[in-house]
Amino acid sequence: MKPLAPGTVIFHRHRGYGVIVLVNLMTGWISARFGSEVRTLDLNLSSDEVQHADGTPIKFRRAPPDRMPHARLMAMVRELHRAGYQRLYLYTWPKPSGLHWRWHLFAGARQWIERPWREGWYGSGADYNFNPVMGWGDTPGASPQELARLLAQFDPQGLAQALGEDEEHANWFELVCATFLPDYAYSLGWHYNGKMPEHLPVIPIRRNVPEYSGPPLPWPPGWRHLWKASGKSPLLQYNPPVRTVHRFTSEPLD
């Protein structure tokens, strides 16, 4: 199946050739612009007989798609761990709204709190719903091996920092992937007012997935030592930078 994303050229039997400007894989609707028209046209992939530019039919998969990329990211990180990049880490946690989960890749020292931020190494499931790519030049259906290769091409300097051994974390990550994939992912955050769970929180990556019934898994190595005994959520430990507002006045300064 060919990838479907903003910028894809399509053909409609009544409108002719057009370009997709928005894709919603949760509902199967797209928005496209045809010819010189300023306004976009909403089309349903299940009933409007949309085709690719070469005439290949676009068929909407009725099975619910992944609403977040975390399982694909876990599979990619596992591939890189096996290739010797064991100092690559995946931090996932819920957004304040609780509707989607964020993700953040980082490399080097295993510093969960003071982790480095690199452009393109973080994102959110809220963006993934409408544009199911990571942003490394990948396609929506890219395999874990392809994602790893494209990440290396996108930021070779950043990935080079992940080259090295962290066998303790790599063994834990291998266990988590073998247990959760392909339907579940892990979260390193929990409810604001709740105590730290005894075991690693599990999140489904798509709708209508049965509740997780597998074995409970431990937190990442060294994770419990990061937080106080009160069990506060790591989300509460984050203090965003304060923007200073300068107020100008005509009154003389003291």
C-alpha atoms as a PDB file:
ATOM      1  CA  MET A   1       0.000   0.000   0.000  1.00  0.00           C
ATOM      2  CA  LYS A   2       1.323   3.422  -0.928  1.00  0.00           C
ATOM      3  CA  PRO A   3       1.764   6.017   1.824  1.00  0.00           C
ATOM      4  CA  LEU A   4      -0.921   8.629   2.301  1.00  0.00           C
ATOM      5  CA  ALA A   5       0.125  11.949   3.796  1.00  0.00           C
ATOM      6  CA  PRO A   6      -0.171  15.710   3.176  1.00  0.00           C
ATOM      7  CA  GLY A   7       1.388  16.510  -0.173  1.00  0.00           C
ATOM      8  CA  THR A   8       0.270  13.273  -1.860  1.00  0.00           C
ATOM      9  CA  VAL A   9      -1.097  13.794  -5.376  1.00  0.00           C
ATOM     10  CA  ILE A  10      -4.484  12.135  -5.890  1.00  0.00           C
ATOM     11  CA  PHE A  11      -7.093  11.755  -8.618  1.00  0.00           C
ATOM     12  CA  HIS A  12     -10.857  12.125  -8.238  1.00  0.00           C
ATOM     13  CA  ARG A  13     -13.201  11.202 -11.058  1.00  0.00           C
ATOM     14  CA  HIS A  14     -15.182  14.450 -10.772  1.00  0.00           C
ATOM     15  CA  ARG A  15     -12.464  16.915  -9.734  1.00  0.00           C
ATOM     16  CA  GLY A  16      -9.399  15.567 -11.506  1.00  0.00           C
ATOM     17  CA  TYR A  17      -5.925  15.811  -9.991  1.00  0.00           C
ATOM     18  CA  GLY A  18      -5.425  17.353  -6.574  1.00  0.00           C
ATOM     19  CA  VAL A  19      -3.117  17.461  -3.561  1.00  0.00           C
ATOM     20  CA  ILE A  20      -3.915  16.278  -0.045  1.00  0.00           C
ATOM     21  CA  VAL A  21      -3.546  18.965   2.607  1.00  0.00           C
ATOM     22  CA  LEU A  22      -4.852  17.053   5.641  1.00  0.00           C
ATOM     23  CA  VAL A  23      -5.300  13.386   6.547  1.00  0.00           C
ATOM     24  CA  ASN A  24      -7.296  12.017   9.476  1.00  0.00           C
ATOM     25  CA  LEU A  25      -6.601   8.315   9.757  1.00  0.00           C
ATOM     26  CA  MET A  26      -8.899   7.976  12.746  1.00  0.00           C
ATOM     27  CA  THR A  27     -11.996   8.694  10.647  1.00  0.00           C
ATOM     28  CA  GLY A  28     -10.888   8.035   7.072  1.00  0.00           C
ATOM     29  CA  TRP A  29     -11.468  11.622   5.887  1.00  0.00           C
ATOM     30  CA  ILE A  30      -9.011  13.741   3.939  1.00  0.00           C
ATOM     31  CA  SER A  31      -8.980  17.349   2.785  1.00  0.00           C
ATOM     32  CA  ALA A  32      -7.625  18.086  -0.696  1.00  0.00           C
ATOM     33  CA  ARG A  33      -7.199  21.069  -2.983  1.00  0.00           C
ATOM     34  CA  PHE A  34      -7.912  20.695  -6.707  1.00  0.00           C
ATOM     35  CA  GLY A  35      -6.555  22.894  -9.478  1.00  0.00           C
ATOM     36  CA  SER A  36      -6.620  26.589  -8.697  1.00  0.00           C
ATOM     37  CA  GLU A  37      -9.397  26.285  -6.130  1.00  0.00           C
ATOM     38  CA  VAL A  38      -8.703  28.140  -2.915  1.00  0.00           C
ATOM     39  CA  ARG A  39     -11.051  26.123  -0.742  1.00  0.00           C
ATOM     40  CA  THR A  40     -10.365  22.516   0.160  1.00  0.00           C
ATOM     41  CA  LEU A  41     -12.718  19.613  -0.422  1.00  0.00           C
ATOM     42  CA  ASP A  42     -13.383  16.988   2.258  1.00  0.00           C
ATOM     43  CA  LEU A  43     -13.447  13.425   0.927  1.00  0.00           C
ATOM     44  CA  ASN A  44     -14.236  10.107   2.557  1.00  0.00           C
ATOM     45  CA  LEU A  45     -11.779   7.372   1.632  1.00  0.00           C
ATOM     46  CA  SER A  46     -14.435   4.693   2.127  1.00  0.00           C
ATOM     47  CA  SER A  47     -16.961   6.014  -0.387  1.00  0.00           C
ATOM     48  CA  ASP A  48     -15.534   8.764  -2.634  1.00  0.00           C
ATOM     49  CA  GLU A  49     -13.359   6.490  -4.803  1.00  0.00           C
ATOM     50  CA  VAL A  50     -10.153   8.474  -4.384  1.00  0.00           C
ATOM     51  CA  GLN A  51      -7.124   7.254  -6.323  1.00  0.00           C
ATOM     52  CA  HIS A  52      -3.403   7.903  -6.380  1.00  0.00           C
ATOM     53  CA  ALA A  53      -2.059   9.891  -9.315  1.00  0.00           C
ATOM     54  CA  ASP A  54      -1.196   6.667 -11.184  1.00  0.00           C
ATOM     55  CA  GLY A  55      -4.729   5.305 -10.790  1.00  0.00           C
ATOM     56  CA  THR A  56      -4.089   3.014  -7.799  1.00  0.00           C
ATOM     57  CA  PRO A  57      -7.236   2.969  -5.630  1.00  0.00           C
ATOM     58  CA  ILE A  58      -6.946   4.321  -2.105  1.00  0.00           C
ATOM     59  CA  LYS A  59      -8.793   1.996   0.235  1.00  0.00           C
ATOM     60  CA  PHE A  60      -9.422   3.009   3.798  1.00  0.00           C
ATOM     61  CA  ARG A  61      -8.548   0.364   6.361  1.00  0.00           C
ATOM     62  CA  ARG A  62     -11.555   0.003   8.603  1.00  0.00           C
ATOM     63  CA  ALA A  63      -9.511  -1.488  11.419  1.00  0.00           C
ATOM     64  CA  PRO A  64      -8.595   1.304  13.845  1.00  0.00           C
ATOM     65  CA  PRO A  65      -5.096   2.688  13.169  1.00  0.00           C
ATOM     66  CA  ASP A  66      -2.448   3.419  15.757  1.00  0.00           C
ATOM     67  CA  ARG A  67      -3.318   6.657  17.487  1.00  0.00           C
ATOM     68  CA  MET A  68       0.251   7.110  18.696  1.00  0.00           C
ATOM     69  CA  PRO A  69       3.690   6.146  17.362  1.00  0.00           C
ATOM     70  CA  HIS A  70       5.087   4.700  20.581  1.00  0.00           C
ATOM     71  CA  ALA A  71       4.983   1.026  19.561  1.00  0.00           C
ATOM     72  CA  ARG A  72       6.804   1.775  16.304  1.00  0.00           C
ATOM     73  CA  LEU A  73       9.373   3.802  18.213  1.00  0.00           C
ATOM     74  CA  MET A  74       9.886   0.967  20.684  1.00  0.00           C
ATOM     75  CA  ALA A  75      10.500  -1.477  17.831  1.00  0.00           C
ATOM     76  CA  MET A  76      12.980   0.935  16.242  1.00  0.00           C
ATOM     77  CA  VAL A  77      14.886   1.484  19.489  1.00  0.00           C
ATOM     78  CA  ARG A  78      15.081  -2.283  20.007  1.00  0.00           C
ATOM     79  CA  GLU A  79      16.640  -2.667  16.554  1.00  0.00           C
ATOM     80  CA  LEU A  80      19.212   0.011  17.343  1.00  0.00           C
ATOM     81  CA  HIS A  81      19.996  -1.574  20.721  1.00  0.00           C
ATOM     82  CA  ARG A  82      20.707  -4.852  18.963  1.00  0.00           C
ATOM     83  CA  ALA A  83      23.002  -3.007  16.558  1.00  0.00           C
ATOM     84  CA  GLY A  84      25.113  -1.653  19.432  1.00  0.00           C
ATOM     85  CA  TYR A  85      23.346   1.667  20.105  1.00  0.00           C
ATOM     86  CA  GLN A  86      22.362   0.739  23.650  1.00  0.00           C
ATOM     87  CA  ARG A  87      22.676   4.294  24.954  1.00  0.00           C
ATOM     88  CA  LEU A  88      19.498   5.305  23.137  1.00  0.00           C
ATOM     89  CA  TYR A  89      16.490   5.888  25.400  1.00  0.00           C
ATOM     90  CA  LEU A  90      12.767   6.439  24.865  1.00  0.00           C
ATOM     91  CA  TYR A  91      10.904   8.597  27.375  1.00  0.00           C
ATOM     92  CA  THR A  92       7.089   8.517  27.057  1.00  0.00           C
ATOM     93  CA  TRP A  93       4.580  10.310  29.266  1.00  0.00           C
ATOM     94  CA  PRO A  94       0.990  11.610  29.051  1.00  0.00           C
ATOM     95  CA  LYS A  95       0.137  15.149  28.069  1.00  0.00           C
ATOM     96  CA  PRO A  96      -1.572  17.236  30.783  1.00  0.00           C
ATOM     97  CA  SER A  97      -4.917  16.742  29.031  1.00  0.00           C
ATOM     98  CA  GLY A  98      -4.556  12.964  29.257  1.00  0.00           C
ATOM     99  CA  LEU A  99      -5.805  12.538  25.688  1.00  0.00           C
ATOM    100  CA  HIS A 100      -2.449  11.816  24.064  1.00  0.00           C
ATOM    101  CA  TRP A 101       1.056  10.743  24.975  1.00  0.00           C
ATOM    102  CA  ARG A 102       4.292  12.519  24.267  1.00  0.00           C
ATOM    103  CA  TRP A 103       7.540  10.837  23.280  1.00  0.00           C
ATOM    104  CA  HIS A 104      11.166  11.874  23.493  1.00  0.00           C
ATOM    105  CA  LEU A 105      14.261  10.077  22.221  1.00  0.00           C
ATOM    106  CA  PHE A 106      17.637  10.984  23.675  1.00  0.00           C
ATOM    107  CA  ALA A 107      21.130   9.538  23.588  1.00  0.00           C
ATOM    108  CA  GLY A 108      24.244   9.582  25.713  1.00  0.00           C
ATOM    109  CA  ALA A 109      24.101   9.418  29.486  1.00  0.00           C
ATOM    110  CA  ARG A 110      20.978   7.907  31.049  1.00  0.00           C
ATOM    111  CA  GLN A 111      19.744  11.207  32.515  1.00  0.00           C
ATOM    112  CA  TRP A 112      15.943  11.033  32.481  1.00  0.00           C
ATOM    113  CA  ILE A 113      15.466  14.467  34.054  1.00  0.00           C
ATOM    114  CA  GLU A 114      18.261  16.468  32.437  1.00  0.00           C
ATOM    115  CA  ARG A 115      18.019  14.728  29.096  1.00  0.00           C
ATOM    116  CA  PRO A 116      19.239  16.602  26.016  1.00  0.00           C
ATOM    117  CA  TRP A 117      16.736  17.929  23.490  1.00  0.00           C
ATOM    118  CA  ARG A 118      17.517  17.646  19.801  1.00  0.00           C
ATOM    119  CA  GLU A 119      15.323  18.956  16.990  1.00  0.00           C
ATOM    120  CA  GLY A 120      13.144  16.185  15.555  1.00  0.00           C
ATOM    121  CA  TRP A 121      13.708  13.765  18.447  1.00  0.00           C
ATOM    122  CA  TYR A 122      10.389  14.384  20.194  1.00  0.00           C
ATOM    123  CA  GLY A 123       6.707  14.568  19.339  1.00  0.00           C
ATOM    124  CA  SER A 124       3.145  13.829  20.368  1.00  0.00           C
ATOM    125  CA  GLY A 125       0.368  11.433  19.488  1.00  0.00           C
ATOM    126  CA  ALA A 126      -1.839  14.464  18.856  1.00  0.00           C
ATOM    127  CA  ASP A 127       0.270  15.317  15.796  1.00  0.00           C
ATOM    128  CA  TYR A 128       0.624  11.692  14.739  1.00  0.00           C
ATOM    129  CA  ASN A 129      -3.149  11.334  14.257  1.00  0.00           C
ATOM    130  CA  PHE A 130      -3.139  13.758  11.342  1.00  0.00           C
ATOM    131  CA  ASN A 131       0.344  13.175   9.968  1.00  0.00           C
ATOM    132  CA  PRO A 132       1.561   9.651  10.886  1.00  0.00           C
ATOM    133  CA  VAL A 133       5.285  10.231  10.357  1.00  0.00           C
ATOM    134  CA  MET A 134       8.185  10.926  12.718  1.00  0.00           C
ATOM    135  CA  GLY A 135       9.619  13.744  10.621  1.00  0.00           C
ATOM    136  CA  TRP A 136      12.872  12.130   9.491  1.00  0.00           C
ATOM    137  CA  GLY A 137      11.833  11.774   5.856  1.00  0.00           C
ATOM    138  CA  ASP A 138       9.975   8.565   6.707  1.00  0.00           C
ATOM    139  CA  THR A 139       6.700   7.287   5.283  1.00  0.00           C
ATOM    140  CA  PRO A 140       3.626   6.235   7.304  1.00  0.00           C
ATOM    141  CA  GLY A 141       4.321   2.543   6.724  1.00  0.00           C
ATOM    142  CA  ALA A 142       8.071   2.555   7.359  1.00  0.00           C
ATOM    143  CA  SER A 143       9.397  -0.526   9.143  1.00  0.00           C
ATOM    144  CA  PRO A 144      11.512  -0.318  12.321  1.00  0.00           C
ATOM    145  CA  GLN A 145      14.629  -0.983  10.237  1.00  0.00           C
ATOM    146  CA  GLU A 146      13.729   1.827   7.836  1.00  0.00           C
ATOM    147  CA  LEU A 147      13.010   4.215  10.716  1.00  0.00           C
ATOM    148  CA  ALA A 148      16.413   3.451  12.231  1.00  0.00           C
ATOM    149  CA  ARG A 149      18.163   4.044   8.921  1.00  0.00           C
ATOM    150  CA  LEU A 150      16.319   7.309   8.309  1.00  0.00           C
ATOM    151  CA  LEU A 151      17.044   8.561  11.822  1.00  0.00           C
ATOM    152  CA  ALA A 152      20.744   7.896  11.226  1.00  0.00           C
ATOM    153  CA  GLN A 153      20.559   9.914   7.999  1.00  0.00           C
ATOM    154  CA  PHE A 154      18.540  12.694   9.639  1.00  0.00           C
ATOM    155  CA  ASP A 155      20.889  13.262  12.585  1.00  0.00           C
ATOM    156  CA  PRO A 156      24.077  11.154  12.390  1.00  0.00           C
ATOM    157  CA  GLN A 157      25.802  13.251  15.066  1.00  0.00           C
ATOM    158  CA  GLY A 158      22.973  12.720  17.518  1.00  0.00           C
ATOM    159  CA  LEU A 159      22.710   8.998  16.925  1.00  0.00           C
ATOM    160  CA  ALA A 160      26.475   8.598  17.240  1.00  0.00           C
ATOM    161  CA  GLN A 161      26.102   9.564  20.906  1.00  0.00           C
ATOM    162  CA  ALA A 162      23.991   6.435  21.429  1.00  0.00           C
ATOM    163  CA  LEU A 163      26.780   4.091  20.344  1.00  0.00           C
ATOM    164  CA  GLY A 164      27.957   2.206  23.416  1.00  0.00           C
ATOM    165  CA  GLU A 165      26.871  -0.294  26.054  1.00  0.00           C
ATOM    166  CA  ASP A 166      24.116  -0.010  28.624  1.00  0.00           C
ATOM    167  CA  GLU A 167      23.342  -3.676  29.002  1.00  0.00           C
ATOM    168  CA  GLU A 168      21.157  -3.226  32.082  1.00  0.00           C
ATOM    169  CA  HIS A 169      18.760  -0.875  30.305  1.00  0.00           C
ATOM    170  CA  ALA A 170      18.926  -2.774  26.991  1.00  0.00           C
ATOM    171  CA  ASN A 171      17.888  -6.024  28.708  1.00  0.00           C
ATOM    172  CA  TRP A 172      14.992  -4.251  30.413  1.00  0.00           C
ATOM    173  CA  PHE A 173      13.894  -2.671  27.129  1.00  0.00           C
ATOM    174  CA  GLU A 174      14.060  -6.024  25.309  1.00  0.00           C
ATOM    175  CA  LEU A 175      11.787  -7.560  27.952  1.00  0.00           C
ATOM    176  CA  VAL A 176       9.300  -4.685  27.673  1.00  0.00           C
ATOM    177  CA  CYS A 177       9.169  -4.906  23.865  1.00  0.00           C
ATOM    178  CA  ALA A 178       8.710  -8.678  23.900  1.00  0.00           C
ATOM    179  CA  THR A 179       5.820  -8.324  26.358  1.00  0.00           C
ATOM    180  CA  PHE A 180       3.988  -5.232  25.077  1.00  0.00           C
ATOM    181  CA  LEU A 181       4.384  -5.127  21.303  1.00  0.00           C
ATOM    182  CA  PRO A 182       2.538  -4.795  18.996  1.00  0.00           C
ATOM    183  CA  ASP A 183      -0.583  -3.559  20.838  1.00  0.00           C
ATOM    184  CA  TYR A 184       0.776  -1.795  23.903  1.00  0.00           C
ATOM    185  CA  ALA A 185       3.461   0.660  24.957  1.00  0.00           C
ATOM    186  CA  TYR A 186       4.763   1.891  28.286  1.00  0.00           C
ATOM    187  CA  SER A 187       4.398   5.223  30.047  1.00  0.00           C
ATOM    188  CA  LEU A 188       6.811   6.779  32.535  1.00  0.00           C
ATOM    189  CA  GLY A 189       4.166   9.078  33.961  1.00  0.00           C
ATOM    190  CA  TRP A 190       1.035   8.567  36.024  1.00  0.00           C
ATOM    191  CA  HIS A 191      -1.917  10.501  37.444  1.00  0.00           C
ATOM    192  CA  TYR A 192      -1.123  13.844  38.988  1.00  0.00           C
ATOM    193  CA  ASN A 193      -2.547  13.135  42.434  1.00  0.00           C
ATOM    194  CA  GLY A 194      -1.795   9.437  42.590  1.00  0.00           C
ATOM    195  CA  LYS A 195       1.136   7.637  44.150  1.00  0.00           C
ATOM    196  CA  MET A 196       3.789   6.050  42.013  1.00  0.00           C
ATOM    197  CA  PRO A 197       2.484   2.681  40.730  1.00  0.00           C
ATOM    198  CA  GLU A 198       4.288  -0.444  41.801  1.00  0.00           C
ATOM    199  CA  HIS A 199       4.731  -1.614  38.215  1.00  0.00           C
ATOM    200  CA  LEU A 200       5.312  -0.009  34.828  1.00  0.00           C
ATOM    201  CA  PRO A 201       2.128   1.679  33.465  1.00  0.00           C
ATOM    202  CA  VAL A 202       0.791   0.248  30.195  1.00  0.00           C
ATOM    203  CA  ILE A 203      -1.036   2.201  27.476  1.00  0.00           C
ATOM    204  CA  PRO A 204      -2.840   0.831  24.375  1.00  0.00           C
ATOM    205  CA  ILE A 205      -1.711   2.300  21.071  1.00  0.00           C
ATOM    206  CA  ARG A 206      -5.082   2.055  19.337  1.00  0.00           C
ATOM    207  CA  ARG A 207      -8.755   1.976  20.187  1.00  0.00           C
ATOM    208  CA  ASN A 208     -10.696  -1.193  21.050  1.00  0.00           C
ATOM    209  CA  VAL A 209      -7.607  -3.016  22.329  1.00  0.00           C
ATOM    210  CA  PRO A 210      -8.408  -5.366  25.235  1.00  0.00           C
ATOM    211  CA  GLU A 211      -7.175  -4.318  28.630  1.00  0.00           C
ATOM    212  CA  TYR A 212      -3.622  -5.451  29.221  1.00  0.00           C
ATOM    213  CA  SER A 213      -3.578  -8.778  31.066  1.00  0.00           C
ATOM    214  CA  GLY A 214       0.081  -9.729  30.761  1.00  0.00           C
ATOM    215  CA  PRO A 215       2.676  -9.945  33.529  1.00  0.00           C
ATOM    216  CA  PRO A 216       3.548  -6.760  35.440  1.00  0.00           C
ATOM    217  CA  LEU A 217       6.916  -5.315  34.491  1.00  0.00           C
ATOM    218  CA  PRO A 218       9.393  -3.237  36.516  1.00  0.00           C
ATOM    219  CA  TRP A 219      10.311   0.382  35.950  1.00  0.00           C
ATOM    220  CA  PRO A 220      13.508   1.206  34.030  1.00  0.00           C
ATOM    221  CA  PRO A 221      16.768   0.599  35.908  1.00  0.00           C
ATOM    222  CA  GLY A 222      17.386   3.436  38.347  1.00  0.00           C
ATOM    223  CA  TRP A 223      14.002   5.077  37.729  1.00  0.00           C
ATOM    224  CA  ARG A 224      12.622   4.717  41.256  1.00  0.00           C
ATOM    225  CA  HIS A 225      15.623   6.468  42.764  1.00  0.00           C
ATOM    226  CA  LEU A 226      14.787   9.662  40.864  1.00  0.00           C
ATOM    227  CA  TRP A 227      11.661  10.520  42.831  1.00  0.00           C
ATOM    228  CA  LYS A 228      10.932  11.243  46.459  1.00  0.00           C
ATOM    229  CA  ALA A 229       9.397   8.697  48.790  1.00  0.00           C
ATOM    230  CA  SER A 230       6.085  10.555  48.575  1.00  0.00           C
ATOM    231  CA  GLY A 231       5.630   9.094  45.121  1.00  0.00           C
ATOM    232  CA  LYS A 232       4.825  12.320  43.315  1.00  0.00           C
ATOM    233  CA  SER A 233       4.424  12.081  39.568  1.00  0.00           C
ATOM    234  CA  PRO A 234       7.395  13.202  37.474  1.00  0.00           C
ATOM    235  CA  LEU A 235       4.937  15.454  35.678  1.00  0.00           C
ATOM    236  CA  LEU A 236       4.702  17.505  38.850  1.00  0.00           C
ATOM    237  CA  GLN A 237       8.464  17.858  39.013  1.00  0.00           C
ATOM    238  CA  TYR A 238       8.636  19.734  35.713  1.00  0.00           C
ATOM    239  CA  ASN A 239       8.841  23.506  36.057  1.00  0.00           C
ATOM    240  CA  PRO A 240       8.445  25.219  32.676  1.00  0.00           C
ATOM    241  CA  PRO A 241      10.542  28.313  32.068  1.00  0.00           C
ATOM    242  CA  VAL A 242       8.898  31.537  33.181  1.00  0.00           C
ATOM    243  CA  ARG A 243       8.529  34.216  30.541  1.00  0.00           C
ATOM    244  CA  THR A 244       9.473  37.618  31.889  1.00  0.00           C
ATOM    245  CA  VAL A 245       7.099  40.430  30.924  1.00  0.00           C
ATOM    246  CA  HIS A 246       8.605  43.912  30.896  1.00  0.00           C
ATOM    247  CA  ARG A 247       6.156  46.699  31.634  1.00  0.00           C
ATOM    248  CA  PHE A 248       7.036  50.171  30.446  1.00  0.00           C
ATOM    249  CA  THR A 249       5.888  53.195  32.421  1.00  0.00           C
ATOM    250  CA  SER A 250       6.310  56.912  32.233  1.00  0.00           C
ATOM    251  CA  GLU A 251       6.811  57.202  35.973  1.00  0.00           C
ATOM    252  CA  PRO A 252      10.359  57.955  37.165  1.00  0.00           C
ATOM    253  CA  LEU A 253      12.374  55.079  38.575  1.00  0.00           C
ATOM    254  CA  ASP A 254      13.149  55.044  42.285  1.00  0.00           C
END
